[in-house]
Protein backbone atom coordinates (compact mmCIF):
# COMPACT_ATOMS: atom_id res chain seq x y z
CA MET A 1 0.60 60.56 -97.02
CA SER A 2 -0.73 62.46 -93.97
CA LYS A 3 -3.12 59.73 -92.93
CA ASP A 4 -0.26 57.25 -92.95
CA LEU A 5 1.87 59.01 -90.31
CA VAL A 6 0.97 58.72 -86.62
CA PHE A 7 2.68 60.92 -84.01
CA ASP A 8 2.51 60.96 -80.25
CA PHE A 9 2.04 64.49 -78.87
CA ASP A 10 3.75 65.05 -75.51
CA GLY A 11 7.51 64.87 -75.89
CA VAL A 12 7.33 64.45 -79.67
CA ILE A 13 5.49 67.48 -81.07
CA PHE A 14 5.13 69.58 -77.90
CA ASP A 15 7.12 69.98 -74.71
CA THR A 16 4.36 69.79 -72.12
CA ALA A 17 6.25 68.38 -69.13
CA PHE A 18 6.18 71.60 -67.12
CA GLU A 19 2.43 71.99 -67.66
CA ALA A 20 1.88 68.41 -66.49
CA PHE A 21 4.01 69.06 -63.39
CA ARG A 22 2.01 72.15 -62.48
CA ILE A 23 -1.37 70.50 -63.24
CA ALA A 24 -0.45 67.43 -61.16
CA CYS A 25 0.52 69.64 -58.22
CA ALA A 26 -2.60 71.79 -58.54
CA SER A 27 -4.95 68.81 -58.92
CA THR A 28 -3.67 67.37 -55.63
CA LYS A 29 -3.92 70.79 -53.91
CA LEU A 30 -0.16 71.01 -53.40
CA ILE A 31 -0.31 74.44 -55.02
CA ASP A 32 -3.26 76.83 -55.35
CA ASN A 33 -3.24 76.91 -59.14
CA PRO A 34 -1.01 75.71 -62.02
CA PHE A 35 0.60 79.12 -62.35
CA SER A 36 2.11 79.06 -58.87
CA PRO A 37 5.90 78.53 -58.75
CA ASP A 38 5.88 77.41 -55.11
CA LEU A 39 7.05 73.83 -55.82
CA ASP A 40 9.18 74.47 -58.90
CA ASN A 41 12.28 73.41 -56.95
CA LEU A 42 10.92 69.85 -57.36
CA TYR A 43 10.68 70.05 -61.14
CA PRO A 44 14.18 68.62 -61.83
CA GLU A 45 13.28 65.57 -59.74
CA PHE A 46 9.94 65.31 -61.54
CA MET A 47 11.81 65.18 -64.85
CA LEU A 48 13.85 62.20 -63.68
CA PHE A 49 10.62 60.20 -63.67
CA ARG A 50 9.12 61.70 -66.86
CA PRO A 51 10.65 59.10 -69.27
CA TYR A 52 8.60 56.40 -67.52
CA VAL A 53 5.26 58.23 -67.77
CA GLY A 54 2.65 57.05 -70.24
CA PRO A 55 -1.00 57.77 -69.29
CA ALA A 56 -1.76 60.59 -66.87
CA TRP A 57 -2.43 58.29 -63.91
CA ASN A 58 1.32 57.55 -63.84
CA TYR A 59 1.82 61.03 -62.39
CA TYR A 60 0.16 59.76 -59.21
CA TYR A 61 3.27 57.66 -58.56
CA VAL A 62 5.63 60.44 -59.63
CA LEU A 63 4.14 62.66 -56.93
CA GLU A 64 4.23 59.82 -54.41
CA ASN A 65 7.96 59.61 -55.05
CA ILE A 66 8.92 63.28 -55.13
CA ILE A 67 6.49 64.57 -52.47
CA LYS A 68 6.19 61.62 -50.10
CA ASN A 69 9.56 59.98 -50.84
CA LYS A 70 7.89 56.62 -51.42
CA ASN A 71 10.64 55.36 -53.76
CA ILE A 72 8.18 53.33 -55.87
CA SER A 73 9.88 51.90 -58.96
CA HIS A 74 8.16 52.56 -62.30
CA LEU A 75 8.01 48.78 -62.67
CA ASP A 76 5.54 48.76 -59.78
CA TRP A 77 3.23 51.51 -61.07
CA ASN A 78 -0.05 49.61 -61.09
CA TYR A 79 -3.44 51.09 -61.87
CA SER A 80 -5.62 51.45 -58.78
CA SER A 81 -8.68 53.31 -57.52
CA SER A 82 -6.35 56.04 -56.22
CA CYS A 83 -4.81 56.35 -59.70
CA ASN A 84 -8.28 56.53 -61.23
CA SER A 85 -9.35 59.33 -58.86
CA PHE A 86 -6.11 61.19 -59.45
CA GLU A 87 -6.44 61.00 -63.24
CA LYS A 88 -10.01 62.30 -63.18
CA GLU A 89 -9.00 65.26 -61.02
CA PHE A 90 -5.94 65.86 -63.21
CA PHE A 91 -8.06 66.23 -66.36
CA LEU A 92 -10.71 68.31 -64.57
CA THR A 93 -8.04 70.67 -63.28
CA ARG A 94 -6.52 71.04 -66.72
CA LYS A 95 -9.92 71.71 -68.28
CA HIS A 96 -10.83 74.29 -65.66
CA TRP A 97 -7.65 76.34 -65.92
CA SER A 98 -7.27 76.04 -69.70
CA VAL A 99 -10.63 77.81 -69.95
CA LYS A 100 -10.31 80.22 -67.04
CA GLU A 101 -6.73 81.36 -67.80
CA ARG A 102 -6.27 80.32 -71.42
CA GLU A 103 -3.20 82.41 -72.28
CA LYS A 104 -1.38 81.51 -69.07
CA TRP A 105 -2.14 77.84 -69.65
CA LEU A 106 -0.97 77.96 -73.26
CA ASN A 107 2.30 79.54 -72.16
CA LEU A 108 3.14 76.56 -69.93
CA GLN A 109 3.90 74.42 -73.01
CA LYS A 110 5.78 74.95 -76.25
CA PRO A 111 6.08 73.12 -79.59
CA TYR A 112 9.35 71.56 -80.71
CA THR A 113 10.10 74.03 -83.49
CA GLU A 114 12.34 71.66 -85.45
CA VAL A 115 9.62 69.00 -85.57
CA ILE A 116 7.03 71.51 -86.74
CA ASN A 117 9.41 72.73 -89.43
CA ILE A 118 9.87 69.17 -90.69
CA LEU A 119 6.12 68.59 -90.85
CA GLN A 120 5.66 71.83 -92.77
CA ARG A 121 8.53 71.22 -95.20
CA GLN A 122 7.22 67.74 -95.98
CA ASN A 123 3.62 69.01 -96.19
CA ILE A 124 2.50 66.49 -93.59
CA LYS A 125 -0.67 66.60 -91.53
CA PRO A 126 -0.12 63.77 -89.04
CA ILE A 127 -2.64 61.81 -87.07
CA ILE A 128 -2.02 62.48 -83.37
CA LEU A 129 -2.33 59.47 -81.06
CA THR A 130 -2.02 60.77 -77.52
CA ASN A 131 -2.59 59.97 -73.85
CA LYS A 132 -3.65 63.59 -73.38
CA ASN A 133 -7.30 64.62 -73.54
CA LYS A 134 -8.27 65.51 -77.12
CA GLU A 135 -9.54 69.03 -76.41
CA SER A 136 -6.22 70.18 -74.99
CA VAL A 137 -4.23 68.80 -77.93
CA VAL A 138 -6.52 70.39 -80.51
CA GLU A 139 -6.33 73.71 -78.65
CA LEU A 140 -2.53 73.69 -78.63
CA LEU A 141 -2.19 72.64 -82.28
CA GLU A 142 -4.66 75.22 -83.53
CA ASN A 143 -3.11 77.95 -81.40
CA GLU A 144 0.24 77.35 -83.13
CA ASN A 145 -1.39 76.89 -86.58
CA ILE A 146 -0.05 73.34 -86.84
CA ALA A 147 -1.88 71.29 -89.47
CA PHE A 148 -3.07 67.82 -88.47
CA GLU A 149 -5.34 65.11 -89.84
CA LYS A 150 -7.11 64.23 -86.58
CA VAL A 151 -6.48 63.65 -82.90
CA ILE A 152 -7.17 60.30 -81.24
CA SER A 153 -7.00 60.29 -77.45
CA MET A 154 -6.38 57.12 -75.49
CA THR A 155 -8.82 58.48 -72.90
CA GLN A 156 -11.67 57.39 -75.20
CA PHE A 157 -10.70 53.71 -74.92
CA PRO A 158 -10.83 51.24 -72.02
CA GLN A 159 -7.89 51.60 -69.64
CA GLU A 160 -6.40 48.24 -70.66
CA LYS A 161 -6.16 49.16 -74.35
CA THR A 162 -2.73 50.27 -75.56
CA LYS A 163 -1.54 52.39 -78.45
CA GLY A 164 -0.34 49.18 -80.08
CA ASP A 165 -3.94 47.93 -80.07
CA VAL A 166 -5.25 51.20 -81.50
CA LEU A 167 -2.67 51.15 -84.30
CA ASN A 168 -3.87 47.72 -85.35
CA GLU A 169 -7.59 48.30 -84.90
CA GLU A 170 -8.15 51.97 -85.78
CA LEU A 171 -5.06 52.85 -87.83
CA SER A 172 -4.20 49.58 -89.54
CA ASP A 173 -3.02 51.27 -92.76
CA SER A 174 -0.59 53.62 -91.00
CA LEU A 175 3.01 53.34 -92.20
CA PHE A 176 4.77 55.28 -89.46
CA PHE A 177 4.41 55.61 -85.69
CA ILE A 178 6.60 57.61 -83.34
CA ASP A 179 6.43 57.93 -79.53
CA ASP A 180 8.83 58.93 -76.76
CA HIS A 181 7.65 56.32 -74.23
CA TYR A 182 9.73 53.17 -74.63
CA PRO A 183 7.19 50.68 -73.16
CA THR A 184 4.68 52.02 -75.72
CA ILE A 185 7.17 51.43 -78.53
CA ALA A 186 7.96 47.93 -77.29
CA ASP A 187 4.24 47.10 -77.11
CA ALA A 188 3.60 48.53 -80.60
CA VAL A 189 6.46 46.46 -82.06
CA ILE A 190 5.29 43.23 -80.45
CA LYS A 191 1.68 43.71 -81.53
CA ASN A 192 2.37 45.19 -84.96
CA LYS A 193 0.32 43.51 -87.71
CA ASN A 194 1.44 45.79 -90.55
CA PRO A 195 4.81 44.65 -91.95
CA LYS A 196 5.22 47.98 -93.77
CA ARG A 197 4.86 50.09 -90.64
CA VAL A 198 7.99 51.86 -89.36
CA ILE A 199 7.99 52.30 -85.58
CA LYS A 200 10.37 54.82 -84.02
CA TYR A 201 11.35 55.93 -80.52
CA ALA A 202 11.85 59.72 -80.31
CA ASN A 203 14.84 60.62 -78.16
CA TRP A 204 14.63 64.45 -78.22
CA GLY A 205 11.78 64.93 -75.76
CA TYR A 206 11.48 62.95 -72.57
CA GLY A 207 12.76 59.72 -74.08
CA SER A 208 16.14 58.29 -73.21
CA SER A 209 19.05 58.66 -75.62
CA ASP A 210 20.26 55.16 -74.76
CA CYS A 211 21.00 52.97 -77.74
CA CYS A 212 17.92 51.20 -79.09
CA ARG A 213 17.34 49.86 -82.58
CA HIS A 214 14.14 51.93 -82.81
CA ASN A 215 15.79 55.21 -81.71
CA ILE A 216 15.52 58.19 -83.99
CA SER A 217 16.94 61.67 -83.49
CA LEU A 218 15.60 64.95 -84.80
CA THR A 219 18.30 65.01 -87.46
CA GLU A 220 17.24 61.55 -88.66
CA LEU A 221 13.49 62.18 -88.58
CA GLU A 222 13.18 64.10 -91.83
CA LYS A 223 15.28 61.59 -93.79
CA CYS A 224 13.10 58.78 -92.48
CA ILE A 225 9.90 60.55 -93.52
CA GLU A 226 11.34 61.42 -96.94
CA GLY A 227 12.19 57.75 -97.44
CA LEU A 228 8.63 56.71 -96.59
CA ILE A 229 7.17 59.25 -99.01
CA LEU A 230 9.43 58.06 -101.82
CA SER A 231 8.60 54.42 -101.11
CA ILE A 232 4.89 54.88 -101.81
CA LYS A 233 5.17 57.09 -104.89
């Protein structure tokens, strides 16, 4: 069953928002390194924008809003050369500090214990489909001894490709997909070519708790997975 379940990483399996905030600030030289608390007073405002973030280049606009007060709606977050440069520096900064100060970097992010417990109780090794760079995800999973089938990073695909495309092209047999980014869920639903696939919107991480027919809570997650397992036995 493991190969049939696809999970997003950030906001679904791990809480990595604070790490992303610090990396974004460090990569734009707003702070000296991602372990500096100098701009932590802005973190609550950063979190107001987090539900709208998909790929890392979106953080470019988050910083434009909270640092420069640009007031750019998430509906107007368009990919540009500035976004491209920002994203490259973001990943380089993360790579540098995750190697140089491994323990400090690891401590900036934590797993959602209840999700991990569900995966372990159900003996599931999910496929991870993430916007994060693969090396960081593997490092975090292995550090916490969390079993997984494989990690697929969207950074290995052209910028215009979506998770909905990858589900159809690379993971066509998958029966379950969960993400905390609503535009990703909407795209996956519209493009879905597998009538047996269950697509869910996680509302415990950075996702909104607003009513949506795809919403699933932590308390509902295990029942949903148990139902899928029973349906294929």
